[in-house]
Amino acid sequence: MDNEQIKRNLTSTDHWLRLVFMVMFVILLEVAGVVMLATIVLQFLFAIVSGGPNDNLRQLGNQIASYIYQTLQFLIYNTEEKPFPFSEWPQD
């Protein structure tokens, strides 16, 4: 790679804009992790009280897991498609 290519890469607004999105998605990933932890705890408590898992919490957990996967795929450059809120919330 020559110096001109490096200079073009450093001055490319696409790279810097992606960095802004990446920082935002890292923050959203942290929020998703907290929500997932709360879902896990609630699911456990629900199972203790009722004897089985709650289907709504199971579905929510599955959607959050899909969102986390989509976000990580974007962050590691496996996709250019931005996850929610720039695309649809993942469904089962």
PDB file of N, CA and C in Angstrom:
ATOM      1  N   MET A   1       0.854  -1.175   0.000  1.00  0.00           N
ATOM      2  CA  MET A   1       0.000   0.000   0.000  1.00  0.00           C
ATOM      3  C   MET A   1       0.896   1.233   0.000  1.00  0.00           C
ATOM      4  N   ASP A   2       0.630   2.136  -0.897  1.00  0.00           N
ATOM      5  CA  ASP A   2       1.456   3.334  -0.985  1.00  0.00           C
ATOM      6  C   ASP A   2       0.893   4.462  -0.123  1.00  0.00           C
ATOM      7  N   ASN A   3       1.677   5.512  -0.012  1.00  0.00           N
ATOM      8  CA  ASN A   3       1.287   6.653   0.829  1.00  0.00           C
ATOM      9  C   ASN A   3       0.028   7.345   0.329  1.00  0.00           C
ATOM     10  N   GLU A   4      -0.163   7.382  -0.995  1.00  0.00           N
ATOM     11  CA  GLU A   4      -1.374   8.003  -1.547  1.00  0.00           C
ATOM     12  C   GLU A   4      -2.625   7.256  -1.114  1.00  0.00           C
ATOM     13  N   GLN A   5      -2.547   5.943  -1.143  1.00  0.00           N
ATOM     14  CA  GLN A   5      -3.696   5.124  -0.732  1.00  0.00           C
ATOM     15  C   GLN A   5      -4.002   5.339   0.748  1.00  0.00           C
ATOM     16  N   ILE A   6      -2.981   5.378   1.554  1.00  0.00           N
ATOM     17  CA  ILE A   6      -3.170   5.622   2.992  1.00  0.00           C
ATOM     18  C   ILE A   6      -3.788   7.003   3.203  1.00  0.00           C
ATOM     19  N   LYS A   7      -3.300   7.999   2.477  1.00  0.00           N
ATOM     20  CA  LYS A   7      -3.843   9.347   2.598  1.00  0.00           C
ATOM     21  C   LYS A   7      -5.315   9.382   2.197  1.00  0.00           C
ATOM     22  N   ARG A   8      -5.667   8.697   1.104  1.00  0.00           N
ATOM     23  CA  ARG A   8      -7.077   8.639   0.684  1.00  0.00           C
ATOM     24  C   ARG A   8      -7.929   7.952   1.753  1.00  0.00           C
ATOM     25  N   ASN A   9      -7.395   6.886   2.334  1.00  0.00           N
ATOM     26  CA  ASN A   9      -8.148   6.172   3.380  1.00  0.00           C
ATOM     27  C   ASN A   9      -8.363   7.053   4.602  1.00  0.00           C
ATOM     28  N   LEU A  10      -7.320   7.787   4.994  1.00  0.00           N
ATOM     29  CA  LEU A  10      -7.428   8.645   6.175  1.00  0.00           C
ATOM     30  C   LEU A  10      -8.359   9.832   5.973  1.00  0.00           C
ATOM     31  N   THR A  11      -8.493  10.288   4.754  1.00  0.00           N
ATOM     32  CA  THR A  11      -9.359  11.446   4.490  1.00  0.00           C
ATOM     33  C   THR A  11     -10.742  11.054   3.987  1.00  0.00           C
ATOM     34  N   SER A  12     -10.992   9.763   3.885  1.00  0.00           N
ATOM     35  CA  SER A  12     -12.289   9.290   3.402  1.00  0.00           C
ATOM     36  C   SER A  12     -13.365   9.524   4.456  1.00  0.00           C
ATOM     37  N   THR A  13     -14.398  10.255   4.074  1.00  0.00           N
ATOM     38  CA  THR A  13     -15.496  10.480   5.025  1.00  0.00           C
ATOM     39  C   THR A  13     -16.253   9.197   5.323  1.00  0.00           C
ATOM     40  N   ASP A  14     -16.235   8.241   4.391  1.00  0.00           N
ATOM     41  CA  ASP A  14     -16.922   6.962   4.626  1.00  0.00           C
ATOM     42  C   ASP A  14     -16.353   6.236   5.838  1.00  0.00           C
ATOM     43  N   HIS A  15     -15.025   6.237   5.964  1.00  0.00           N
ATOM     44  CA  HIS A  15     -14.401   5.553   7.100  1.00  0.00           C
ATOM     45  C   HIS A  15     -14.754   6.239   8.422  1.00  0.00           C
ATOM     46  N   TRP A  16     -14.712   7.557   8.427  1.00  0.00           N
ATOM     47  CA  TRP A  16     -14.993   8.296   9.657  1.00  0.00           C
ATOM     48  C   TRP A  16     -16.466   8.234  10.023  1.00  0.00           C
ATOM     49  N   LEU A  17     -17.335   8.224   9.029  1.00  0.00           N
ATOM     50  CA  LEU A  17     -18.759   8.067   9.302  1.00  0.00           C
ATOM     51  C   LEU A  17     -19.047   6.684   9.871  1.00  0.00           C
ATOM     52  N   ARG A  18     -18.378   5.680   9.326  1.00  0.00           N
ATOM     53  CA  ARG A  18     -18.554   4.335   9.862  1.00  0.00           C
ATOM     54  C   ARG A  18     -18.094   4.275  11.325  1.00  0.00           C
ATOM     55  N   LEU A  19     -17.016   4.969  11.649  1.00  0.00           N
ATOM     56  CA  LEU A  19     -16.550   5.010  13.036  1.00  0.00           C
ATOM     57  C   LEU A  19     -17.628   5.567  13.957  1.00  0.00           C
ATOM     58  N   VAL A  20     -18.305   6.621  13.518  1.00  0.00           N
ATOM     59  CA  VAL A  20     -19.389   7.192  14.322  1.00  0.00           C
ATOM     60  C   VAL A  20     -20.480   6.141  14.548  1.00  0.00           C
ATOM     61  N   PHE A  21     -20.864   5.439  13.482  1.00  0.00           N
ATOM     62  CA  PHE A  21     -21.866   4.385  13.625  1.00  0.00           C
ATOM     63  C   PHE A  21     -21.365   3.263  14.534  1.00  0.00           C
ATOM     64  N   MET A  22     -20.096   2.917  14.418  1.00  0.00           N
ATOM     65  CA  MET A  22     -19.550   1.843  15.241  1.00  0.00           C
ATOM     66  C   MET A  22     -19.590   2.206  16.721  1.00  0.00           C
ATOM     67  N   VAL A  23     -19.245   3.452  17.043  1.00  0.00           N
ATOM     68  CA  VAL A  23     -19.298   3.892  18.445  1.00  0.00           C
ATOM     69  C   VAL A  23     -20.733   3.827  18.949  1.00  0.00           C
ATOM     70  N   MET A  24     -21.677   4.294  18.124  1.00  0.00           N
ATOM     71  CA  MET A  24     -23.082   4.245  18.512  1.00  0.00           C
ATOM     72  C   MET A  24     -23.536   2.802  18.747  1.00  0.00           C
ATOM     73  N   PHE A  25     -23.129   1.893  17.855  1.00  0.00           N
ATOM     74  CA  PHE A  25     -23.567   0.502  18.001  1.00  0.00           C
ATOM     75  C   PHE A  25     -22.882  -0.212  19.161  1.00  0.00           C
ATOM     76  N   VAL A  26     -21.690   0.201  19.519  1.00  0.00           N
ATOM     77  CA  VAL A  26     -21.058  -0.360  20.719  1.00  0.00           C
ATOM     78  C   VAL A  26     -21.870   0.027  21.948  1.00  0.00           C
ATOM     79  N   ILE A  27     -22.334   1.269  21.985  1.00  0.00           N
ATOM     80  CA  ILE A  27     -23.168   1.722  23.108  1.00  0.00           C
ATOM     81  C   ILE A  27     -24.486   0.948  23.118  1.00  0.00           C
ATOM     82  N   LEU A  28     -25.121   0.814  21.948  1.00  0.00           N
ATOM     83  CA  LEU A  28     -26.373   0.047  21.877  1.00  0.00           C
ATOM     84  C   LEU A  28     -26.161  -1.417  22.228  1.00  0.00           C
ATOM     85  N   LEU A  29     -24.994  -1.943  21.904  1.00  0.00           N
ATOM     86  CA  LEU A  29     -24.675  -3.327  22.264  1.00  0.00           C
ATOM     87  C   LEU A  29     -24.609  -3.493  23.778  1.00  0.00           C
ATOM     88  N   GLU A  30     -24.057  -2.506  24.450  1.00  0.00           N
ATOM     89  CA  GLU A  30     -24.016  -2.541  25.915  1.00  0.00           C
ATOM     90  C   GLU A  30     -25.430  -2.496  26.504  1.00  0.00           C
ATOM     91  N   VAL A  31     -26.279  -1.651  25.945  1.00  0.00           N
ATOM     92  CA  VAL A  31     -27.674  -1.576  26.398  1.00  0.00           C
ATOM     93  C   VAL A  31     -28.374  -2.911  26.153  1.00  0.00           C
ATOM     94  N   ALA A  32     -28.153  -3.492  24.977  1.00  0.00           N
ATOM     95  CA  ALA A  32     -28.760  -4.791  24.658  1.00  0.00           C
ATOM     96  C   ALA A  32     -28.287  -5.863  25.629  1.00  0.00           C
ATOM     97  N   GLY A  33     -27.024  -5.794  26.039  1.00  0.00           N
ATOM     98  CA  GLY A  33     -26.508  -6.756  27.019  1.00  0.00           C
ATOM     99  C   GLY A  33     -27.205  -6.637  28.361  1.00  0.00           C
ATOM    100  N   VAL A  34     -27.471  -5.413  28.786  1.00  0.00           N
ATOM    101  CA  VAL A  34     -28.179  -5.194  30.060  1.00  0.00           C
ATOM    102  C   VAL A  34     -29.611  -5.707  29.956  1.00  0.00           C
ATOM    103  N   VAL A  35     -30.271  -5.421  28.836  1.00  0.00           N
ATOM    104  CA  VAL A  35     -31.646  -5.899  28.640  1.00  0.00           C
ATOM    105  C   VAL A  35     -31.659  -7.423  28.587  1.00  0.00           C
ATOM    106  N   MET A  36     -30.655  -8.014  27.939  1.00  0.00           N
ATOM    107  CA  MET A  36     -30.579  -9.478  27.885  1.00  0.00           C
ATOM    108  C   MET A  36     -30.379 -10.058  29.279  1.00  0.00           C
ATOM    109  N   LEU A  37     -29.526  -9.448  30.080  1.00  0.00           N
ATOM    110  CA  LEU A  37     -29.319  -9.917  31.447  1.00  0.00           C
ATOM    111  C   LEU A  37     -30.618  -9.838  32.248  1.00  0.00           C
ATOM    112  N   ALA A  38     -31.354  -8.742  32.095  1.00  0.00           N
ATOM    113  CA  ALA A  38     -32.641  -8.614  32.790  1.00  0.00           C
ATOM    114  C   ALA A  38     -33.618  -9.680  32.311  1.00  0.00           C
ATOM    115  N   THR A  39     -33.619  -9.962  31.017  1.00  0.00           N
ATOM    116  CA  THR A  39     -34.493 -11.008  30.467  1.00  0.00           C
ATOM    117  C   THR A  39     -34.144 -12.371  31.043  1.00  0.00           C
ATOM    118  N   ILE A  40     -32.858 -12.641  31.159  1.00  0.00           N
ATOM    119  CA  ILE A  40     -32.401 -13.918  31.718  1.00  0.00           C
ATOM    120  C   ILE A  40     -32.856 -14.064  33.166  1.00  0.00           C
ATOM    121  N   VAL A  41     -32.657 -13.009  33.950  1.00  0.00           N
ATOM    122  CA  VAL A  41     -33.047 -13.059  35.364  1.00  0.00           C
ATOM    123  C   VAL A  41     -34.559 -13.216  35.491  1.00  0.00           C
ATOM    124  N   LEU A  42     -35.319 -12.440  34.722  1.00  0.00           N
ATOM    125  CA  LEU A  42     -36.780 -12.555  34.778  1.00  0.00           C
ATOM    126  C   LEU A  42     -37.251 -13.938  34.339  1.00  0.00           C
ATOM    127  N   GLN A  43     -36.631 -14.478  33.305  1.00  0.00           N
ATOM    128  CA  GLN A  43     -37.006 -15.815  32.828  1.00  0.00           C
ATOM    129  C   GLN A  43     -36.747 -16.857  33.910  1.00  0.00           C
ATOM    130  N   PHE A  44     -35.612 -16.746  34.591  1.00  0.00           N
ATOM    131  CA  PHE A  44     -35.301 -17.677  35.673  1.00  0.00           C
ATOM    132  C   PHE A  44     -36.316 -17.569  36.796  1.00  0.00           C
ATOM    133  N   LEU A  45     -36.630 -16.317  37.191  1.00  0.00           N
ATOM    134  CA  LEU A  45     -37.610 -16.121  38.267  1.00  0.00           C
ATOM    135  C   LEU A  45     -38.982 -16.634  37.855  1.00  0.00           C
ATOM    136  N   PHE A  46     -39.362 -16.389  36.618  1.00  0.00           N
ATOM    137  CA  PHE A  46     -40.641 -16.877  36.119  1.00  0.00           C
ATOM    138  C   PHE A  46     -40.685 -18.396  36.149  1.00  0.00           C
ATOM    139  N   ALA A  47     -39.598 -19.029  35.758  1.00  0.00           N
ATOM    140  CA  ALA A  47     -39.539 -20.496  35.750  1.00  0.00           C
ATOM    141  C   ALA A  47     -39.616 -21.065  37.162  1.00  0.00           C
ATOM    142  N   ILE A  48     -39.007 -20.387  38.107  1.00  0.00           N
ATOM    143  CA  ILE A  48     -39.079 -20.855  39.498  1.00  0.00           C
ATOM    144  C   ILE A  48     -40.506 -20.761  40.024  1.00  0.00           C
ATOM    145  N   VAL A  49     -41.170 -19.654  39.725  1.00  0.00           N
ATOM    146  CA  VAL A  49     -42.520 -19.423  40.240  1.00  0.00           C
ATOM    147  C   VAL A  49     -43.545 -20.294  39.519  1.00  0.00           C
ATOM    148  N   SER A  50     -43.454 -20.364  38.191  1.00  0.00           N
ATOM    149  CA  SER A  50     -44.506 -21.047  37.429  1.00  0.00           C
ATOM    150  C   SER A  50     -44.142 -22.482  37.030  1.00  0.00           C
ATOM    151  N   GLY A  51     -42.883 -22.828  37.159  1.00  0.00           N
ATOM    152  CA  GLY A  51     -42.467 -24.175  36.781  1.00  0.00           C
ATOM    153  C   GLY A  51     -42.001 -24.305  35.343  1.00  0.00           C
ATOM    154  N   GLY A  52     -42.049 -23.223  34.567  1.00  0.00           N
ATOM    155  CA  GLY A  52     -41.610 -23.276  33.172  1.00  0.00           C
ATOM    156  C   GLY A  52     -41.297 -21.897  32.645  1.00  0.00           C
ATOM    157  N   PRO A  53     -40.677 -21.835  31.492  1.00  0.00           N
ATOM    158  CA  PRO A  53     -40.307 -20.531  30.929  1.00  0.00           C
ATOM    159  C   PRO A  53     -41.509 -19.779  30.372  1.00  0.00           C
ATOM    160  N   ASN A  54     -41.364 -18.474  30.285  1.00  0.00           N
ATOM    161  CA  ASN A  54     -42.379 -17.600  29.715  1.00  0.00           C
ATOM    162  C   ASN A  54     -42.097 -17.455  28.216  1.00  0.00           C
ATOM    163  N   ASP A  55     -43.096 -17.727  27.387  1.00  0.00           N
ATOM    164  CA  ASP A  55     -42.902 -17.673  25.938  1.00  0.00           C
ATOM    165  C   ASP A  55     -42.569 -16.269  25.444  1.00  0.00           C
ATOM    166  N   ASN A  56     -43.179 -15.246  26.026  1.00  0.00           N
ATOM    167  CA  ASN A  56     -42.876 -13.866  25.615  1.00  0.00           C
ATOM    168  C   ASN A  56     -41.431 -13.501  25.932  1.00  0.00           C
ATOM    169  N   LEU A  57     -40.955 -13.890  27.110  1.00  0.00           N
ATOM    170  CA  LEU A  57     -39.568 -13.628  27.467  1.00  0.00           C
ATOM    171  C   LEU A  57     -38.616 -14.435  26.586  1.00  0.00           C
ATOM    172  N   ARG A  58     -39.009 -15.641  26.235  1.00  0.00           N
ATOM    173  CA  ARG A  58     -38.187 -16.469  25.342  1.00  0.00           C
ATOM    174  C   ARG A  58     -38.066 -15.795  23.973  1.00  0.00           C
ATOM    175  N   GLN A  59     -39.173 -15.284  23.462  1.00  0.00           N
ATOM    176  CA  GLN A  59     -39.170 -14.598  22.172  1.00  0.00           C
ATOM    177  C   GLN A  59     -38.326 -13.322  22.243  1.00  0.00           C
ATOM    178  N   LEU A  60     -38.484 -12.546  23.310  1.00  0.00           N
ATOM    179  CA  LEU A  60     -37.687 -11.339  23.487  1.00  0.00           C
ATOM    180  C   LEU A  60     -36.201 -11.680  23.544  1.00  0.00           C
ATOM    181  N   GLY A  61     -35.850 -12.696  24.302  1.00  0.00           N
ATOM    182  CA  GLY A  61     -34.453 -13.118  24.391  1.00  0.00           C
ATOM    183  C   GLY A  61     -33.888 -13.524  23.043  1.00  0.00           C
ATOM    184  N   ASN A  62     -34.694 -14.214  22.252  1.00  0.00           N
ATOM    185  CA  ASN A  62     -34.263 -14.625  20.922  1.00  0.00           C
ATOM    186  C   ASN A  62     -34.046 -13.407  20.023  1.00  0.00           C
ATOM    187  N   GLN A  63     -34.941 -12.430  20.107  1.00  0.00           N
ATOM    188  CA  GLN A  63     -34.795 -11.222  19.297  1.00  0.00           C
ATOM    189  C   GLN A  63     -33.566 -10.416  19.714  1.00  0.00           C
ATOM    190  N   ILE A  64     -33.329 -10.307  21.004  1.00  0.00           N
ATOM    191  CA  ILE A  64     -32.154  -9.579  21.481  1.00  0.00           C
ATOM    192  C   ILE A  64     -30.878 -10.301  21.039  1.00  0.00           C
ATOM    193  N   ALA A  65     -30.874 -11.627  21.119  1.00  0.00           N
ATOM    194  CA  ALA A  65     -29.707 -12.391  20.667  1.00  0.00           C
ATOM    195  C   ALA A  65     -29.442 -12.156  19.183  1.00  0.00           C
ATOM    196  N   SER A  66     -30.500 -12.112  18.378  1.00  0.00           N
ATOM    197  CA  SER A  66     -30.348 -11.831  16.948  1.00  0.00           C
ATOM    198  C   SER A  66     -29.813 -10.424  16.728  1.00  0.00           C
ATOM    199  N   TYR A  67     -30.318  -9.471  17.502  1.00  0.00           N
ATOM    200  CA  TYR A  67     -29.840  -8.094  17.389  1.00  0.00           C
ATOM    201  C   TYR A  67     -28.357  -7.995  17.753  1.00  0.00           C
ATOM    202  N   ILE A  68     -27.966  -8.656  18.823  1.00  0.00           N
ATOM    203  CA  ILE A  68     -26.564  -8.652  19.234  1.00  0.00           C
ATOM    204  C   ILE A  68     -25.696  -9.248  18.126  1.00  0.00           C
ATOM    205  N   TYR A  69     -26.147 -10.348  17.528  1.00  0.00           N
ATOM    206  CA  TYR A  69     -25.415 -10.974  16.427  1.00  0.00           C
ATOM    207  C   TYR A  69     -25.281 -10.016  15.242  1.00  0.00           C
ATOM    208  N   GLN A  70     -26.392  -9.385  14.851  1.00  0.00           N
ATOM    209  CA  GLN A  70     -26.363  -8.446  13.725  1.00  0.00           C
ATOM    210  C   GLN A  70     -25.420  -7.275  14.012  1.00  0.00           C
ATOM    211  N   THR A  71     -25.451  -6.788  15.232  1.00  0.00           N
ATOM    212  CA  THR A  71     -24.597  -5.672  15.608  1.00  0.00           C
ATOM    213  C   THR A  71     -23.129  -6.068  15.554  1.00  0.00           C
ATOM    214  N   LEU A  72     -22.812  -7.238  16.077  1.00  0.00           N
ATOM    215  CA  LEU A  72     -21.425  -7.699  16.024  1.00  0.00           C
ATOM    216  C   LEU A  72     -20.960  -7.910  14.589  1.00  0.00           C
ATOM    217  N   GLN A  73     -21.839  -8.406  13.732  1.00  0.00           N
ATOM    218  CA  GLN A  73     -21.484  -8.600  12.325  1.00  0.00           C
ATOM    219  C   GLN A  73     -21.128  -7.266  11.672  1.00  0.00           C
ATOM    220  N   PHE A  74     -21.864  -6.214  12.015  1.00  0.00           N
ATOM    221  CA  PHE A  74     -21.552  -4.887  11.491  1.00  0.00           C
ATOM    222  C   PHE A  74     -20.227  -4.380  12.066  1.00  0.00           C
ATOM    223  N   LEU A  75     -20.030  -4.552  13.361  1.00  0.00           N
ATOM    224  CA  LEU A  75     -18.833  -4.016  14.012  1.00  0.00           C
ATOM    225  C   LEU A  75     -17.546  -4.680  13.520  1.00  0.00           C
ATOM    226  N   ILE A  76     -17.614  -5.945  13.131  1.00  0.00           N
ATOM    227  CA  ILE A  76     -16.395  -6.617  12.668  1.00  0.00           C
ATOM    228  C   ILE A  76     -16.277  -6.626  11.150  1.00  0.00           C
ATOM    229  N   TYR A  77     -17.074  -5.782  10.498  1.00  0.00           N
ATOM    230  CA  TYR A  77     -17.016  -5.581   9.043  1.00  0.00           C
ATOM    231  C   TYR A  77     -17.460  -6.803   8.243  1.00  0.00           C
ATOM    232  N   ASN A  78     -18.266  -7.663   8.815  1.00  0.00           N
ATOM    233  CA  ASN A  78     -18.816  -8.784   8.050  1.00  0.00           C
ATOM    234  C   ASN A  78     -20.016  -8.368   7.227  1.00  0.00           C
ATOM    235  N   THR A  79     -20.576  -7.205   7.523  1.00  0.00           N
ATOM    236  CA  THR A  79     -21.689  -6.676   6.746  1.00  0.00           C
ATOM    237  C   THR A  79     -21.655  -5.155   6.792  1.00  0.00           C
ATOM    238  N   GLU A  80     -22.203  -4.556   5.762  1.00  0.00           N
ATOM    239  CA  GLU A  80     -22.353  -3.105   5.734  1.00  0.00           C
ATOM    240  C   GLU A  80     -23.765  -2.703   6.161  1.00  0.00           C
ATOM    241  N   GLU A  81     -24.647  -3.679   6.328  1.00  0.00           N
ATOM    242  CA  GLU A  81     -26.029  -3.390   6.727  1.00  0.00           C
ATOM    243  C   GLU A  81     -26.073  -3.039   8.204  1.00  0.00           C
ATOM    244  N   LYS A  82     -26.566  -1.844   8.472  1.00  0.00           N
ATOM    245  CA  LYS A  82     -26.653  -1.393   9.857  1.00  0.00           C
ATOM    246  C   LYS A  82     -27.872  -2.038  10.521  1.00  0.00           C
ATOM    247  N   PRO A  83     -27.692  -2.505  11.758  1.00  0.00           N
ATOM    248  CA  PRO A  83     -28.832  -3.094  12.473  1.00  0.00           C
ATOM    249  C   PRO A  83     -29.813  -2.018  12.950  1.00  0.00           C
ATOM    250  N   PHE A  84     -30.851  -2.454  13.652  1.00  0.00           N
ATOM    251  CA  PHE A  84     -31.850  -1.565  14.230  1.00  0.00           C
ATOM    252  C   PHE A  84     -31.127  -0.437  14.973  1.00  0.00           C
ATOM    253  N   PRO A  85     -31.477   0.784  14.835  1.00  0.00           N
ATOM    254  CA  PRO A  85     -32.692   1.370  14.306  1.00  0.00           C
ATOM    255  C   PRO A  85     -32.638   1.735  12.820  1.00  0.00           C
ATOM    256  N   PHE A  86     -31.610   1.311  12.104  1.00  0.00           N
ATOM    257  CA  PHE A  86     -31.500   1.605  10.683  1.00  0.00           C
ATOM    258  C   PHE A  86     -32.082   0.502   9.812  1.00  0.00           C
ATOM    259  N   SER A  87     -32.483  -0.580  10.418  1.00  0.00           N
ATOM    260  CA  SER A  87     -33.194  -1.655   9.730  1.00  0.00           C
ATOM    261  C   SER A  87     -34.267  -2.172  10.681  1.00  0.00           C
ATOM    262  N   GLU A  88     -35.020  -3.145  10.234  1.00  0.00           N
ATOM    263  CA  GLU A  88     -36.107  -3.688  11.049  1.00  0.00           C
ATOM    264  C   GLU A  88     -35.560  -4.410  12.279  1.00  0.00           C
ATOM    265  N   TRP A  89     -36.348  -4.361  13.354  1.00  0.00           N
ATOM    266  CA  TRP A  89     -36.006  -5.114  14.563  1.00  0.00           C
ATOM    267  C   TRP A  89     -36.076  -6.605  14.204  1.00  0.00           C
ATOM    268  N   PRO A  90     -35.111  -7.411  14.637  1.00  0.00           N
ATOM    269  CA  PRO A  90     -35.122  -8.835  14.273  1.00  0.00           C
ATOM    270  C   PRO A  90     -36.347  -9.569  14.834  1.00  0.00           C
ATOM    271  N   GLN A  91     -36.918 -10.387  14.003  1.00  0.00           N
ATOM    272  CA  GLN A  91     -38.025 -11.254  14.423  1.00  0.00           C
ATOM    273  C   GLN A  91     -37.484 -12.681  14.533  1.00  0.00           C
ATOM    274  N   ASP A  92     -38.273 -13.541  15.120  1.00  0.00           N
ATOM    275  CA  ASP A  92     -37.806 -14.937  15.305  1.00  0.00           C
ATOM    276  C   ASP A  92     -37.359 -15.569  14.063  1.00  0.00           C
TER     277      ASP A  92
END
